[in-house]
Amino acid sequence: MANAEYTVTDRHDSVTVTGGGVDLLTYVVHPDTKAEEAPKPYLFPLRFLDGGDAAVRRPWDHRWHTGLQFTWSHVKDQNFWGGPTFSTEGGYQMRDNLGRMEHQGFAAPPVDGSEVVFDETLKWINSRGEHWYDEHRVHRLHSLDTERGLWSVDLTTTLTNVSGETLPMGSPTTAGREQAGYTGWFWRGPRSWTGARVVSSEGLEGDETVMGTTADWIAMQSEHDGLDGGGTILTFAGASTAAVDGESLEIPEIRWFVRSGVFAVISPSPAFYEEIHLPHGGELTLSHRYVFVSRVCEDEELKTLGAEFAL
């Protein structure tokens, strides 16, 4: 039924949220991630209400891909993404430049209800041990509907530059690699989602067609492995804003990094083609929404859901 309640289980190092009898997500705040994978909190496992898997962790091709997580591939000379760093001179190479994000605590313990909120503070520490960002991150789970087989999570985060200098924030594309503008929030789908259908609110279809474009939302759809049926993930671009001393900064609009041909990934990238230059004391705020639907939706239903859950 609509407005059903979520149940929260706090295990200190992680928090699991259950709905409709299914463990829908676990938020790991103190991960055992290796240093070369840029340790950070992450959402994994992720599941649909029918129990189907909606993400993968540490796939063999990219060990630093972990469910749904907040990342940043190029920050000045640092990599908060994990794995090798791209440059036009050497391609992808492992470097001694991998930072980490450290959970500092929740404003209040997450509790059961029709909405569940993780209101969290974090610190970003670079490979030299320097404190570069403070982060205020809020996850809000809502719209649990067991009749329609869907649930939703909003992800809102504000990064404050405390480094003492302006930090350029980019992607592999801003570093010289074509159509590789991934950065920010990043989702990696299960192996069964390889070849998944991709459509956007602008009427475009196919990962190569949608790549690098702007759209209010994109949807990815596939069948499950090991379980009859399939699912749809609707990702909403939401908003990206920046300010310093109360004055707005001009920054790029959100563009979609999406692949499904080799493996399934989605990133509403705030720095696909252009860097964001965030001054000391500047704040960057991102707001996105993900809707997990326990079926492969027809196009008309996608449009209806896109309007219903619009940010």
Protein backbone atom coordinates (compact mmCIF):
# COMPACT_ATOMS: atom_id res chain seq x y z
CA MET A 1 0.00 0.00 0.00
CA ALA A 2 1.06 3.63 -0.51
CA ASN A 3 2.81 5.36 2.39
CA ALA A 4 3.80 2.05 3.96
CA GLU A 5 6.43 2.23 6.66
CA TYR A 6 10.13 1.48 6.51
CA THR A 7 11.94 -0.34 9.32
CA VAL A 8 15.47 0.64 10.36
CA THR A 9 18.16 -1.65 11.81
CA ASP A 10 21.28 0.15 13.07
CA ARG A 11 24.42 -2.01 13.26
CA HIS A 12 26.78 0.87 14.14
CA ASP A 13 28.99 0.46 11.05
CA SER A 14 25.94 0.28 8.78
CA VAL A 15 22.20 0.96 8.72
CA THR A 16 19.73 -1.34 6.93
CA VAL A 17 16.29 -0.19 5.83
CA THR A 18 13.53 -2.76 5.23
CA GLY A 19 10.22 -2.26 3.42
CA GLY A 20 7.56 -4.72 2.34
CA GLY A 21 9.52 -7.54 3.97
CA VAL A 22 12.64 -6.85 1.85
CA ASP A 23 15.96 -5.35 2.97
CA LEU A 24 15.91 -2.53 0.40
CA LEU A 25 19.24 -0.93 1.18
CA THR A 26 22.15 -0.90 3.56
CA TYR A 27 24.15 2.28 4.12
CA VAL A 28 27.70 1.37 5.14
CA VAL A 29 29.20 4.33 6.97
CA HIS A 30 32.42 2.71 8.18
CA PRO A 31 33.58 0.58 5.23
CA ASP A 32 36.52 -1.83 5.15
CA THR A 33 37.46 -0.50 1.69
CA LYS A 34 41.07 -0.71 0.57
CA ALA A 35 43.01 2.56 0.33
CA GLU A 36 43.46 2.16 -3.44
CA GLU A 37 39.67 2.13 -3.83
CA ALA A 38 39.27 5.54 -2.10
CA PRO A 39 37.29 4.54 1.05
CA LYS A 40 33.89 6.19 1.41
CA PRO A 41 30.37 5.40 2.68
CA TYR A 42 28.16 3.59 0.18
CA LEU A 43 24.67 2.18 -0.38
CA PHE A 44 24.85 -1.59 -0.93
CA PRO A 45 23.01 -3.92 -1.17
CA LEU A 46 20.19 -2.22 -3.08
CA ARG A 47 17.05 -4.18 -3.92
CA PHE A 48 13.68 -3.83 -5.57
CA LEU A 49 10.53 -4.65 -3.60
CA ASP A 50 10.33 -8.04 -5.35
CA GLY A 51 13.76 -8.88 -3.91
CA GLY A 52 15.63 -8.43 -7.19
CA ASP A 53 19.17 -7.07 -6.96
CA ALA A 54 19.53 -3.42 -7.98
CA ALA A 55 23.32 -2.98 -7.67
CA VAL A 56 26.67 -4.74 -7.45
CA ARG A 57 29.74 -4.19 -5.25
CA ARG A 58 33.41 -4.55 -6.27
CA PRO A 59 32.91 -6.07 -9.76
CA TRP A 60 36.10 -7.61 -11.17
CA ASP A 61 36.48 -4.96 -13.87
CA HIS A 62 36.29 -1.97 -11.48
CA ARG A 63 36.75 -2.94 -7.84
CA TRP A 64 35.99 0.64 -6.73
CA HIS A 65 32.44 0.49 -8.15
CA THR A 66 30.21 -0.04 -5.12
CA GLY A 67 26.43 0.10 -5.34
CA LEU A 68 25.37 3.74 -5.18
CA GLN A 69 27.98 6.14 -3.81
CA PHE A 70 29.15 9.75 -3.94
CA THR A 71 32.47 10.10 -5.73
CA TRP A 72 34.70 12.64 -7.44
CA SER A 73 37.30 11.48 -9.94
CA HIS A 74 39.41 14.64 -10.41
CA VAL A 75 39.90 17.25 -7.67
CA LYS A 76 43.05 19.20 -8.48
CA ASP A 77 45.70 16.43 -8.25
CA GLN A 78 43.54 14.11 -6.11
CA ASN A 79 41.25 11.15 -6.85
CA PHE A 80 38.30 10.53 -4.48
CA TRP A 81 36.85 8.03 -6.97
CA GLY A 82 39.18 5.06 -6.59
CA GLY A 83 41.48 3.11 -8.88
CA PRO A 84 43.66 4.73 -11.55
CA THR A 85 43.55 8.40 -12.52
CA PHE A 86 43.25 9.48 -16.17
CA SER A 87 45.61 11.91 -17.87
CA THR A 88 46.20 12.65 -21.55
CA GLU A 89 49.91 11.91 -21.07
CA GLY A 90 49.64 8.43 -19.57
CA GLY A 91 46.01 7.30 -19.84
CA TYR A 92 44.77 5.54 -16.70
CA GLN A 93 47.53 4.97 -14.14
CA MET A 94 47.59 4.14 -10.44
CA ARG A 95 49.02 7.06 -8.49
CA ASP A 96 49.63 7.94 -4.89
CA ASN A 97 46.72 10.40 -4.94
CA LEU A 98 43.72 8.53 -3.53
CA GLY A 99 41.69 10.34 -0.91
CA ARG A 100 38.92 9.19 1.42
CA MET A 101 35.59 10.35 2.85
CA GLU A 102 35.11 9.89 6.59
CA HIS A 103 31.68 9.63 8.23
CA GLN A 104 31.57 11.95 11.27
CA GLY A 105 28.11 11.10 12.55
CA PHE A 106 24.35 11.44 12.14
CA ALA A 107 22.48 14.49 13.40
CA ALA A 108 19.96 12.03 14.87
CA PRO A 109 19.64 8.23 14.73
CA PRO A 110 17.55 7.09 11.72
CA VAL A 111 14.17 5.74 12.85
CA ASP A 112 11.24 3.75 11.43
CA GLY A 113 8.47 5.52 9.54
CA SER A 114 6.96 6.44 6.19
CA GLU A 115 10.16 8.43 5.68
CA VAL A 116 13.66 7.53 6.85
CA VAL A 117 16.34 10.22 6.99
CA PHE A 118 20.12 9.84 7.22
CA ASP A 119 21.34 13.35 8.12
CA GLU A 120 25.09 12.98 8.05
CA THR A 121 28.33 14.98 8.23
CA LEU A 122 31.57 13.85 6.58
CA LYS A 123 35.13 15.01 6.01
CA TRP A 124 37.08 14.59 2.78
CA ILE A 125 40.76 13.88 3.42
CA ASN A 126 43.26 13.79 0.55
CA SER A 127 46.16 11.36 0.09
CA ARG A 128 48.48 13.70 2.02
CA GLY A 129 46.14 13.78 5.02
CA GLU A 130 44.88 17.30 4.27
CA HIS A 131 41.26 18.16 5.12
CA TRP A 132 39.78 19.59 1.90
CA TYR A 133 35.98 19.46 2.28
CA ASP A 134 33.27 19.33 4.89
CA GLU A 135 30.13 17.60 3.64
CA HIS A 136 26.53 17.66 4.83
CA ARG A 137 24.74 14.70 3.22
CA VAL A 138 21.06 13.80 3.56
CA HIS A 139 19.40 10.61 2.32
CA ARG A 140 15.60 10.64 2.50
CA LEU A 141 13.74 7.40 1.79
CA HIS A 142 10.08 7.94 0.98
CA SER A 143 7.12 6.86 -1.20
CA LEU A 144 7.22 3.20 -0.22
CA ASP A 145 4.29 1.70 -2.15
CA THR A 146 3.92 -2.06 -1.94
CA GLU A 147 0.84 -2.06 -4.19
CA ARG A 148 2.68 -0.36 -7.06
CA GLY A 149 5.96 -2.06 -6.21
CA LEU A 150 8.16 1.01 -5.83
CA TRP A 151 10.21 3.03 -3.40
CA SER A 152 12.34 6.16 -3.66
CA VAL A 153 15.38 7.85 -2.14
CA ASP A 154 16.45 11.48 -2.38
CA LEU A 155 20.16 12.30 -2.18
CA THR A 156 21.10 15.85 -1.23
CA THR A 157 24.62 16.92 -0.36
CA THR A 158 26.48 20.16 0.25
CA LEU A 159 30.27 20.26 -0.07
CA THR A 160 32.09 23.15 1.61
CA ASN A 161 35.67 23.84 0.50
CA VAL A 162 37.83 24.24 3.64
CA SER A 163 41.19 23.68 1.91
CA GLY A 164 42.32 27.32 1.90
CA GLU A 165 42.46 27.49 -1.91
CA THR A 166 40.26 27.21 -4.99
CA LEU A 167 39.84 23.56 -5.97
CA PRO A 168 39.18 22.57 -9.61
CA MET A 169 36.65 19.69 -9.67
CA GLY A 170 36.41 17.73 -12.89
CA SER A 171 36.06 14.36 -14.60
CA PRO A 172 38.09 12.19 -16.99
CA THR A 173 36.51 14.16 -19.85
CA THR A 174 37.70 17.49 -18.44
CA ALA A 175 41.11 15.77 -18.16
CA GLY A 176 41.02 14.84 -21.86
CA ARG A 177 39.11 11.56 -22.30
CA GLU A 178 36.11 11.81 -24.61
CA GLN A 179 32.65 10.91 -23.31
CA ALA A 180 33.90 9.83 -19.88
CA GLY A 181 32.39 12.61 -17.78
CA TYR A 182 31.53 10.49 -14.74
CA THR A 183 31.75 12.10 -11.33
CA GLY A 184 29.42 12.87 -8.41
CA TRP A 185 26.78 10.27 -7.52
CA PHE A 186 27.45 6.99 -9.33
CA TRP A 187 25.36 3.79 -9.54
CA ARG A 188 26.67 0.43 -10.78
CA GLY A 189 24.09 -2.15 -11.78
CA PRO A 190 24.16 -5.95 -11.54
CA ARG A 191 25.65 -8.07 -14.35
CA SER A 192 22.12 -8.97 -15.44
CA TRP A 193 21.66 -5.31 -16.40
CA THR A 194 24.36 -5.45 -19.08
CA GLY A 195 22.56 -4.43 -22.27
CA ALA A 196 19.72 -2.79 -20.32
CA ARG A 197 17.38 -0.41 -22.12
CA VAL A 198 18.08 3.31 -21.54
CA VAL A 199 15.58 6.11 -22.27
CA SER A 200 15.47 9.78 -21.30
CA SER A 201 12.72 12.29 -20.62
CA GLU A 202 13.77 14.00 -23.86
CA GLY A 203 12.68 10.96 -25.88
CA LEU A 204 16.21 9.70 -26.58
CA GLU A 205 16.95 5.97 -26.38
CA GLY A 206 20.21 4.02 -26.04
CA ASP A 207 23.21 4.67 -23.81
CA GLU A 208 25.38 6.14 -26.57
CA THR A 209 22.59 8.51 -27.60
CA VAL A 210 21.82 9.67 -24.05
CA MET A 211 25.50 9.98 -23.03
CA GLY A 212 26.50 13.59 -22.29
CA THR A 213 22.99 15.00 -22.81
CA THR A 214 20.76 16.93 -20.44
CA ALA A 215 17.35 15.60 -19.38
CA ASP A 216 15.12 15.82 -16.32
CA TRP A 217 15.40 12.06 -15.87
CA ILE A 218 16.66 8.89 -17.44
CA ALA A 219 15.34 5.36 -16.95
CA MET A 220 17.20 2.07 -17.17
CA GLN A 221 15.32 -1.24 -17.40
CA SER A 222 16.29 -4.91 -17.34
CA GLU A 223 15.26 -8.41 -16.30
CA HIS A 224 16.54 -9.98 -13.09
CA ASP A 225 18.86 -12.95 -12.83
CA GLY A 226 17.62 -15.79 -10.61
CA LEU A 227 14.19 -14.22 -10.13
CA ASP A 228 11.26 -13.92 -12.53
CA GLY A 229 10.50 -10.36 -13.60
CA GLY A 230 12.59 -7.24 -13.89
CA GLY A 231 12.92 -3.67 -12.78
CA THR A 232 13.18 -0.02 -13.74
CA ILE A 233 15.40 2.61 -12.15
CA LEU A 234 14.38 6.22 -12.71
CA THR A 235 17.15 8.72 -11.91
CA PHE A 236 16.32 12.43 -11.68
CA ALA A 237 18.93 15.08 -12.45
CA GLY A 238 17.51 17.45 -9.85
CA ALA A 239 19.72 20.47 -9.23
CA SER A 240 23.33 21.59 -8.97
CA THR A 241 24.10 24.98 -7.39
CA ALA A 242 27.16 26.71 -5.98
CA ALA A 243 27.74 29.85 -3.92
CA VAL A 244 30.44 31.68 -1.98
CA ASP A 245 29.72 34.35 0.65
CA GLY A 246 26.07 34.20 -0.35
CA GLU A 247 26.78 34.98 -4.01
CA SER A 248 25.80 32.38 -6.63
CA LEU A 249 28.51 30.90 -8.84
CA GLU A 250 27.97 29.94 -12.44
CA ILE A 251 28.56 26.21 -12.83
CA PRO A 252 27.81 23.59 -15.52
CA GLU A 253 24.41 21.93 -15.77
CA ILE A 254 23.94 18.27 -14.91
CA ARG A 255 24.72 15.94 -17.83
CA TRP A 256 24.19 12.19 -17.96
CA PHE A 257 26.99 9.67 -17.91
CA VAL A 258 25.33 6.36 -18.73
CA ARG A 259 26.48 2.99 -20.05
CA SER A 260 24.73 -0.35 -20.44
CA GLY A 261 26.49 -2.06 -23.37
CA VAL A 262 29.49 -3.31 -21.38
CA PHE A 263 28.02 -2.89 -17.91
CA ALA A 264 25.27 -0.77 -16.36
CA VAL A 265 26.21 2.57 -14.80
CA ILE A 266 24.47 5.90 -14.25
CA SER A 267 25.97 9.18 -13.03
CA PRO A 268 24.17 12.55 -13.10
CA SER A 269 27.48 14.35 -13.57
CA PRO A 270 27.93 17.95 -12.38
CA ALA A 271 31.27 18.29 -14.22
CA PHE A 272 30.95 16.27 -17.43
CA TYR A 273 32.53 18.69 -19.95
CA GLU A 274 33.59 21.55 -17.66
CA GLU A 275 35.36 21.82 -14.31
CA ILE A 276 33.79 23.47 -11.30
CA HIS A 277 36.23 25.88 -9.63
CA LEU A 278 35.05 26.05 -6.03
CA PRO A 279 36.75 28.79 -3.95
CA HIS A 280 37.73 28.39 -0.31
CA GLY A 281 34.51 28.75 1.66
CA GLY A 282 32.43 27.98 -1.40
CA GLU A 283 29.52 25.54 -1.22
CA LEU A 284 28.40 23.10 -3.91
CA THR A 285 24.95 21.54 -3.47
CA LEU A 286 23.61 18.58 -5.45
CA SER A 287 20.08 17.13 -5.23
CA HIS A 288 19.01 13.94 -7.03
CA ARG A 289 16.23 11.34 -6.76
CA TYR A 290 16.18 7.59 -7.52
CA VAL A 291 12.96 5.59 -7.91
CA PHE A 292 13.16 1.78 -7.88
CA VAL A 293 10.21 0.07 -9.61
CA SER A 294 9.72 -3.71 -9.49
CA ARG A 295 8.83 -4.17 -13.17
CA VAL A 296 9.89 -3.13 -16.64
CA CYS A 297 7.63 -0.11 -17.17
CA GLU A 298 5.95 0.75 -20.45
CA ASP A 299 6.80 4.15 -21.93
CA GLU A 300 3.53 5.76 -20.84
CA GLU A 301 4.10 4.67 -17.25
CA LEU A 302 7.64 6.10 -17.40
CA LYS A 303 6.21 9.46 -18.41
CA THR A 304 3.63 9.28 -15.62
CA LEU A 305 6.24 8.39 -13.01
CA GLY A 306 8.57 11.06 -14.38
CA ALA A 307 5.89 13.68 -13.79
CA GLU A 308 4.88 12.28 -10.40
CA PHE A 309 8.40 12.20 -8.96
CA ALA A 310 9.77 15.31 -10.70
CA LEU A 311 12.13 17.43 -8.61
